[in-house]
Amino acid sequence: MQWWIAILGALAAFLFAGPLMRLGIAAVFGRQVADQALAQQPDTIRLVPAPPESWLDPDNARQVSNAIHALGFEDAGTFTIPELTGVTLALLAHPSARLYAAIYQHPRAGAWFEFFRRNSDGTGVTFTTLPPNGLSDRPGHPVVRAPGSDPRTLFERATSPRSANSDARPASAQAAVHVFESGYAEAMAWRKQNGVSRAEVVRIAAKRAA
């Protein structure tokens, strides 16, 4: 559930300034910049079915999709998100593993994939190939980051005895869109209530400066 794409998108002018300027602005105006960015973000999103030509790199999307299908996942569709310009994603579901998969492409963030589950108590976990982005995890929703992992390796990590959760909610292709949309809304509500800290903005700026 990559709600953070919206925040990073709103911070684009700040993030792509000169490295030293970024760090200086973050140190002085970090909280103000973050609050302004958060205020611009949609509280909810809609996944709209998209044609194959929506992918920025269709060959990469097909390769990753085929590898995830081979793990036993069922296709749940390809979508764009009107509220988050530039995002294309595919959703898949693995009923027996009670796990969802998402394949993303974004003009600036690039291409990545992840597996995620939701639990009956409202918590969840995400396993992603994205490196750390500077934002702290939402409590009860840890993000396990494994940049460079292939789908099988990341899937095995997500389904290992150490990562398994007997309280995981069922997963299905029919429910995938609702789970994704509601997950975004819940995460964004929490983020808007808690805000983006000055320290988080400084970490984001430092990563861009590196």
C-alpha atoms as a PDB file:
ATOM      1  CA  MET A   1       0.000   0.000   0.000  1.00  0.00           C
ATOM      2  CA  GLN A   2       2.338   2.716  -1.188  1.00  0.00           C
ATOM      3  CA  TRP A   3       0.538   5.814   0.117  1.00  0.00           C
ATOM      4  CA  TRP A   4       3.974   7.429   0.484  1.00  0.00           C
ATOM      5  CA  ILE A   5       4.165   7.896  -3.294  1.00  0.00           C
ATOM      6  CA  ALA A   6       1.639  10.686  -2.923  1.00  0.00           C
ATOM      7  CA  ILE A   7       3.687  12.430  -0.255  1.00  0.00           C
ATOM      8  CA  LEU A   8       6.939  12.150  -2.193  1.00  0.00           C
ATOM      9  CA  GLY A   9       5.184  13.414  -5.300  1.00  0.00           C
ATOM     10  CA  ALA A  10       3.961  16.502  -3.471  1.00  0.00           C
ATOM     11  CA  LEU A  11       7.481  17.108  -2.182  1.00  0.00           C
ATOM     12  CA  ALA A  12       8.973  16.801  -5.670  1.00  0.00           C
ATOM     13  CA  ALA A  13      10.075  20.433  -6.032  1.00  0.00           C
ATOM     14  CA  PHE A  14      11.766  20.237  -2.646  1.00  0.00           C
ATOM     15  CA  LEU A  15      13.314  16.809  -3.178  1.00  0.00           C
ATOM     16  CA  PHE A  16      14.825  17.648  -6.547  1.00  0.00           C
ATOM     17  CA  ALA A  17      16.402  20.938  -5.478  1.00  0.00           C
ATOM     18  CA  GLY A  18      20.183  21.083  -5.107  1.00  0.00           C
ATOM     19  CA  PRO A  19      21.507  18.622  -2.478  1.00  0.00           C
ATOM     20  CA  LEU A  20      22.818  21.259  -0.060  1.00  0.00           C
ATOM     21  CA  MET A  21      19.720  23.389  -0.479  1.00  0.00           C
ATOM     22  CA  ARG A  22      17.531  20.345   0.224  1.00  0.00           C
ATOM     23  CA  LEU A  23      19.299  19.609   3.490  1.00  0.00           C
ATOM     24  CA  GLY A  24      19.191  23.225   4.578  1.00  0.00           C
ATOM     25  CA  ILE A  25      15.488  23.597   3.797  1.00  0.00           C
ATOM     26  CA  ALA A  26      14.705  20.311   5.528  1.00  0.00           C
ATOM     27  CA  ALA A  27      16.546  21.314   8.681  1.00  0.00           C
ATOM     28  CA  VAL A  28      14.759  24.664   8.932  1.00  0.00           C
ATOM     29  CA  PHE A  29      11.355  24.154   7.297  1.00  0.00           C
ATOM     30  CA  GLY A  30      10.955  20.365   7.327  1.00  0.00           C
ATOM     31  CA  ARG A  31       7.720  20.187   9.304  1.00  0.00           C
ATOM     32  CA  GLN A  32       6.135  23.067   7.385  1.00  0.00           C
ATOM     33  CA  VAL A  33       7.005  21.496   4.020  1.00  0.00           C
ATOM     34  CA  ALA A  34       5.668  18.126   5.155  1.00  0.00           C
ATOM     35  CA  ASP A  35       2.418  19.570   6.487  1.00  0.00           C
ATOM     36  CA  GLN A  36       1.801  21.412   3.221  1.00  0.00           C
ATOM     37  CA  ALA A  37       2.521  18.258   1.223  1.00  0.00           C
ATOM     38  CA  LEU A  38       0.225  16.122   3.356  1.00  0.00           C
ATOM     39  CA  ALA A  39      -2.626  18.601   3.093  1.00  0.00           C
ATOM     40  CA  GLN A  40      -2.598  18.210  -0.698  1.00  0.00           C
ATOM     41  CA  GLN A  41      -2.942  14.429  -0.651  1.00  0.00           C
ATOM     42  CA  PRO A  42      -6.241  12.643  -1.353  1.00  0.00           C
ATOM     43  CA  ASP A  43      -7.869  10.889   1.586  1.00  0.00           C
ATOM     44  CA  THR A  44      -9.010   8.084  -0.714  1.00  0.00           C
ATOM     45  CA  ILE A  45      -8.064   6.688  -4.116  1.00  0.00           C
ATOM     46  CA  ARG A  46      -9.840   4.761  -6.888  1.00  0.00           C
ATOM     47  CA  LEU A  47      -8.261   2.002  -8.929  1.00  0.00           C
ATOM     48  CA  VAL A  48      -9.349   2.301 -12.556  1.00  0.00           C
ATOM     49  CA  PRO A  49      -8.862  -0.666 -14.926  1.00  0.00           C
ATOM     50  CA  ALA A  50      -6.093   0.107 -17.397  1.00  0.00           C
ATOM     51  CA  PRO A  51      -5.024  -1.335 -20.776  1.00  0.00           C
ATOM     52  CA  PRO A  52      -1.615  -3.015 -21.262  1.00  0.00           C
ATOM     53  CA  GLU A  53      -0.176   0.086 -22.944  1.00  0.00           C
ATOM     54  CA  SER A  54      -0.416   1.925 -19.609  1.00  0.00           C
ATOM     55  CA  TRP A  55       2.841   0.302 -18.488  1.00  0.00           C
ATOM     56  CA  LEU A  56       5.953   2.458 -18.856  1.00  0.00           C
ATOM     57  CA  ASP A  57       8.022  -0.708 -19.336  1.00  0.00           C
ATOM     58  CA  PRO A  58       5.649  -3.474 -20.482  1.00  0.00           C
ATOM     59  CA  ASP A  59       8.437  -6.047 -20.839  1.00  0.00           C
ATOM     60  CA  ASN A  60       9.480  -5.644 -17.209  1.00  0.00           C
ATOM     61  CA  ALA A  61       5.865  -5.756 -16.032  1.00  0.00           C
ATOM     62  CA  ARG A  62       5.237  -8.943 -18.010  1.00  0.00           C
ATOM     63  CA  GLN A  63       8.389 -10.623 -16.713  1.00  0.00           C
ATOM     64  CA  VAL A  64       7.588  -9.881 -13.063  1.00  0.00           C
ATOM     65  CA  SER A  65       3.926 -10.790 -13.524  1.00  0.00           C
ATOM     66  CA  ASN A  66       4.797 -14.157 -15.074  1.00  0.00           C
ATOM     67  CA  ALA A  67       7.176 -14.937 -12.211  1.00  0.00           C
ATOM     68  CA  ILE A  68       4.532 -14.084  -9.601  1.00  0.00           C
ATOM     69  CA  HIS A  69       1.842 -16.073 -11.426  1.00  0.00           C
ATOM     70  CA  ALA A  70       4.191 -19.063 -11.359  1.00  0.00           C
ATOM     71  CA  LEU A  71       4.090 -18.900  -7.553  1.00  0.00           C
ATOM     72  CA  GLY A  72       0.357 -19.602  -7.560  1.00  0.00           C
ATOM     73  CA  PHE A  73      -1.045 -16.058  -7.647  1.00  0.00           C
ATOM     74  CA  GLU A  74      -4.269 -15.199  -9.467  1.00  0.00           C
ATOM     75  CA  ASP A  75      -4.592 -12.073 -11.584  1.00  0.00           C
ATOM     76  CA  ALA A  76      -6.761  -9.289 -10.123  1.00  0.00           C
ATOM     77  CA  GLY A  77      -6.251  -6.700 -12.868  1.00  0.00           C
ATOM     78  CA  THR A  78      -4.072  -3.798 -14.018  1.00  0.00           C
ATOM     79  CA  PHE A  79      -4.945  -0.277 -12.909  1.00  0.00           C
ATOM     80  CA  THR A  80      -4.085   3.383 -12.858  1.00  0.00           C
ATOM     81  CA  ILE A  81      -4.932   5.748  -9.997  1.00  0.00           C
ATOM     82  CA  PRO A  82      -6.426   9.082 -11.119  1.00  0.00           C
ATOM     83  CA  GLU A  83      -5.549  10.693  -7.791  1.00  0.00           C
ATOM     84  CA  LEU A  84      -1.878   9.651  -8.061  1.00  0.00           C
ATOM     85  CA  THR A  85      -0.719  10.669 -11.512  1.00  0.00           C
ATOM     86  CA  GLY A  86       1.769   8.347 -13.168  1.00  0.00           C
ATOM     87  CA  VAL A  87       1.177   5.237 -11.062  1.00  0.00           C
ATOM     88  CA  THR A  88       0.406   1.990 -12.884  1.00  0.00           C
ATOM     89  CA  LEU A  89      -0.023  -1.201 -10.899  1.00  0.00           C
ATOM     90  CA  ALA A  90      -1.161  -4.791 -11.167  1.00  0.00           C
ATOM     91  CA  LEU A  91      -2.745  -6.688  -8.285  1.00  0.00           C
ATOM     92  CA  LEU A  92      -2.649 -10.444  -7.709  1.00  0.00           C
ATOM     93  CA  ALA A  93      -3.915 -12.728  -4.939  1.00  0.00           C
ATOM     94  CA  HIS A  94      -2.753 -16.040  -3.477  1.00  0.00           C
ATOM     95  CA  PRO A  95      -5.749 -17.505  -1.588  1.00  0.00           C
ATOM     96  CA  SER A  96      -3.957 -20.399   0.115  1.00  0.00           C
ATOM     97  CA  ALA A  97      -1.079 -18.165   1.284  1.00  0.00           C
ATOM     98  CA  ARG A  98      -3.517 -15.384   2.243  1.00  0.00           C
ATOM     99  CA  LEU A  99      -1.234 -12.972   0.474  1.00  0.00           C
ATOM    100  CA  TYR A 100      -1.580 -10.217  -2.122  1.00  0.00           C
ATOM    101  CA  ALA A 101       0.997  -9.037  -4.652  1.00  0.00           C
ATOM    102  CA  ALA A 102       1.342  -5.657  -6.307  1.00  0.00           C
ATOM    103  CA  ILE A 103       3.546  -4.691  -9.251  1.00  0.00           C
ATOM    104  CA  TYR A 104       4.232  -0.976  -9.621  1.00  0.00           C
ATOM    105  CA  GLN A 105       5.692   1.422 -12.140  1.00  0.00           C
ATOM    106  CA  HIS A 106       6.111   5.150 -11.535  1.00  0.00           C
ATOM    107  CA  PRO A 107       7.938   7.791 -13.637  1.00  0.00           C
ATOM    108  CA  ARG A 108      10.203   8.850 -10.750  1.00  0.00           C
ATOM    109  CA  ALA A 109      10.083   6.020  -8.213  1.00  0.00           C
ATOM    110  CA  GLY A 110      10.762   3.411 -10.917  1.00  0.00           C
ATOM    111  CA  ALA A 111       9.536  -0.201 -10.953  1.00  0.00           C
ATOM    112  CA  TRP A 112       9.143  -2.536  -7.999  1.00  0.00           C
ATOM    113  CA  PHE A 113       6.891  -5.239  -6.562  1.00  0.00           C
ATOM    114  CA  GLU A 114       5.727  -6.330  -3.164  1.00  0.00           C
ATOM    115  CA  PHE A 115       3.705  -8.886  -1.236  1.00  0.00           C
ATOM    116  CA  PHE A 116       1.363  -7.838   1.562  1.00  0.00           C
ATOM    117  CA  ARG A 117      -1.204  -9.280   3.934  1.00  0.00           C
ATOM    118  CA  ARG A 118      -3.867  -7.871   6.217  1.00  0.00           C
ATOM    119  CA  ASN A 119      -4.689  -9.425   9.581  1.00  0.00           C
ATOM    120  CA  SER A 120      -8.010  -9.740  11.377  1.00  0.00           C
ATOM    121  CA  ASP A 121      -6.919  -7.290  14.071  1.00  0.00           C
ATOM    122  CA  GLY A 122      -6.290  -4.555  11.482  1.00  0.00           C
ATOM    123  CA  THR A 123      -2.519  -4.932  11.378  1.00  0.00           C
ATOM    124  CA  GLY A 124      -0.542  -6.037   8.332  1.00  0.00           C
ATOM    125  CA  VAL A 125       2.886  -6.480   6.823  1.00  0.00           C
ATOM    126  CA  THR A 126       4.473  -5.630   3.487  1.00  0.00           C
ATOM    127  CA  PHE A 127       7.497  -7.240   1.827  1.00  0.00           C
ATOM    128  CA  THR A 128       8.889  -4.949  -0.852  1.00  0.00           C
ATOM    129  CA  THR A 129      11.846  -4.600  -3.192  1.00  0.00           C
ATOM    130  CA  LEU A 130      11.993  -0.859  -2.560  1.00  0.00           C
ATOM    131  CA  PRO A 131      14.874   0.477  -0.468  1.00  0.00           C
ATOM    132  CA  PRO A 132      14.121   2.617   2.613  1.00  0.00           C
ATOM    133  CA  ASN A 133      12.526   5.936   1.686  1.00  0.00           C
ATOM    134  CA  GLY A 134      13.096   7.909   4.877  1.00  0.00           C
ATOM    135  CA  LEU A 135       9.541   7.606   6.204  1.00  0.00           C
ATOM    136  CA  SER A 136       8.872   5.643   9.390  1.00  0.00           C
ATOM    137  CA  ASP A 137       6.615   2.583   9.275  1.00  0.00           C
ATOM    138  CA  ARG A 138       3.082   2.873  10.544  1.00  0.00           C
ATOM    139  CA  PRO A 139       2.753   1.069  13.898  1.00  0.00           C
ATOM    140  CA  GLY A 140       1.442  -2.461  13.391  1.00  0.00           C
ATOM    141  CA  HIS A 141       2.299  -2.333   9.683  1.00  0.00           C
ATOM    142  CA  PRO A 142       6.012  -3.110   9.318  1.00  0.00           C
ATOM    143  CA  VAL A 143       7.651  -2.972   5.909  1.00  0.00           C
ATOM    144  CA  VAL A 144      10.320  -5.589   5.205  1.00  0.00           C
ATOM    145  CA  ARG A 145      12.635  -4.194   2.541  1.00  0.00           C
ATOM    146  CA  ALA A 146      14.648  -6.466   0.271  1.00  0.00           C
ATOM    147  CA  PRO A 147      15.942  -4.445  -2.713  1.00  0.00           C
ATOM    148  CA  GLY A 148      17.065  -6.593  -5.626  1.00  0.00           C
ATOM    149  CA  SER A 149      15.074  -9.659  -4.572  1.00  0.00           C
ATOM    150  CA  ASP A 150      13.433 -11.806  -7.229  1.00  0.00           C
ATOM    151  CA  PRO A 151       9.752 -12.754  -6.797  1.00  0.00           C
ATOM    152  CA  ARG A 152      10.402 -16.296  -5.550  1.00  0.00           C
ATOM    153  CA  THR A 153      12.946 -15.217  -2.939  1.00  0.00           C
ATOM    154  CA  LEU A 154      10.688 -12.475  -1.600  1.00  0.00           C
ATOM    155  CA  PHE A 155       7.660 -14.803  -1.618  1.00  0.00           C
ATOM    156  CA  GLU A 156       9.576 -17.430   0.368  1.00  0.00           C
ATOM    157  CA  ARG A 157      10.488 -14.774   2.883  1.00  0.00           C
ATOM    158  CA  ALA A 158       6.875 -13.616   3.137  1.00  0.00           C
ATOM    159  CA  THR A 159       5.598 -17.161   3.655  1.00  0.00           C
ATOM    160  CA  SER A 160       8.345 -18.458   5.933  1.00  0.00           C
ATOM    161  CA  PRO A 161       7.286 -19.797   9.359  1.00  0.00           C
ATOM    162  CA  ARG A 162       8.822 -16.714  10.946  1.00  0.00           C
ATOM    163  CA  SER A 163       6.702 -14.378   8.799  1.00  0.00           C
ATOM    164  CA  ALA A 164       3.463 -16.414   8.742  1.00  0.00           C
ATOM    165  CA  ASN A 165       0.426 -15.186  10.688  1.00  0.00           C
ATOM    166  CA  SER A 166      -2.457 -17.510  11.484  1.00  0.00           C
ATOM    167  CA  ASP A 167      -4.662 -14.439  11.937  1.00  0.00           C
ATOM    168  CA  ALA A 168      -4.193 -13.321   8.310  1.00  0.00           C
ATOM    169  CA  ARG A 169      -7.382 -12.393   6.485  1.00  0.00           C
ATOM    170  CA  PRO A 170      -8.354 -14.435   3.414  1.00  0.00           C
ATOM    171  CA  ALA A 171      -7.000 -13.115   0.108  1.00  0.00           C
ATOM    172  CA  SER A 172      -8.876 -13.239  -3.191  1.00  0.00           C
ATOM    173  CA  ALA A 173      -8.724 -11.614  -6.607  1.00  0.00           C
ATOM    174  CA  GLN A 174     -12.265 -10.338  -6.111  1.00  0.00           C
ATOM    175  CA  ALA A 175     -11.336  -8.497  -2.907  1.00  0.00           C
ATOM    176  CA  ALA A 176      -7.951  -7.149  -4.035  1.00  0.00           C
ATOM    177  CA  VAL A 177      -9.130  -3.717  -5.200  1.00  0.00           C
ATOM    178  CA  HIS A 178     -11.144  -3.080  -2.041  1.00  0.00           C
ATOM    179  CA  VAL A 179      -8.253  -4.213   0.170  1.00  0.00           C
ATOM    180  CA  PHE A 180      -5.830  -1.910  -1.648  1.00  0.00           C
ATOM    181  CA  GLU A 181      -8.137   1.119  -1.670  1.00  0.00           C
ATOM    182  CA  SER A 182      -9.144   0.714   1.974  1.00  0.00           C
ATOM    183  CA  GLY A 183      -5.520   0.124   2.974  1.00  0.00           C
ATOM    184  CA  TYR A 184      -4.500   3.396   1.359  1.00  0.00           C
ATOM    185  CA  ALA A 185      -7.334   5.280   3.101  1.00  0.00           C
ATOM    186  CA  GLU A 186      -6.439   3.859   6.514  1.00  0.00           C
ATOM    187  CA  ALA A 187      -2.727   4.562   6.089  1.00  0.00           C
ATOM    188  CA  MET A 188      -3.313   8.109   4.822  1.00  0.00           C
ATOM    189  CA  ALA A 189      -5.711   8.851   7.695  1.00  0.00           C
ATOM    190  CA  TRP A 190      -3.046   7.740  10.163  1.00  0.00           C
ATOM    191  CA  ARG A 191      -0.337   9.736   8.416  1.00  0.00           C
ATOM    192  CA  LYS A 192      -2.429  12.912   8.295  1.00  0.00           C
ATOM    193  CA  GLN A 193      -3.258  12.544  11.970  1.00  0.00           C
ATOM    194  CA  ASN A 194       0.389  12.021  12.923  1.00  0.00           C
ATOM    195  CA  GLY A 195       2.058  14.105  10.244  1.00  0.00           C
ATOM    196  CA  VAL A 196       5.528  13.793   8.734  1.00  0.00           C
ATOM    197  CA  SER A 197       8.168  14.680  11.273  1.00  0.00           C
ATOM    198  CA  ARG A 198      11.044  17.065  10.692  1.00  0.00           C
ATOM    199  CA  ALA A 199      13.405  14.112  11.151  1.00  0.00           C
ATOM    200  CA  GLU A 200      11.642  12.149   8.399  1.00  0.00           C
ATOM    201  CA  VAL A 201      11.881  15.043   5.948  1.00  0.00           C
ATOM    202  CA  VAL A 202      15.581  15.438   6.760  1.00  0.00           C
ATOM    203  CA  ARG A 203      16.117  11.695   6.141  1.00  0.00           C
ATOM    204  CA  ILE A 204      14.303  11.931   2.786  1.00  0.00           C
ATOM    205  CA  ALA A 205      16.427  14.919   1.770  1.00  0.00           C
ATOM    206  CA  ALA A 206      19.621  13.189   2.871  1.00  0.00           C
ATOM    207  CA  LYS A 207      18.807  10.135   0.758  1.00  0.00           C
ATOM    208  CA  ARG A 208      18.230  12.323  -2.278  1.00  0.00           C
ATOM    209  CA  ALA A 209      21.485  14.153  -1.610  1.00  0.00           C
ATOM    210  CA  ALA A 210      23.521  10.941  -1.335  1.00  0.00           C
END
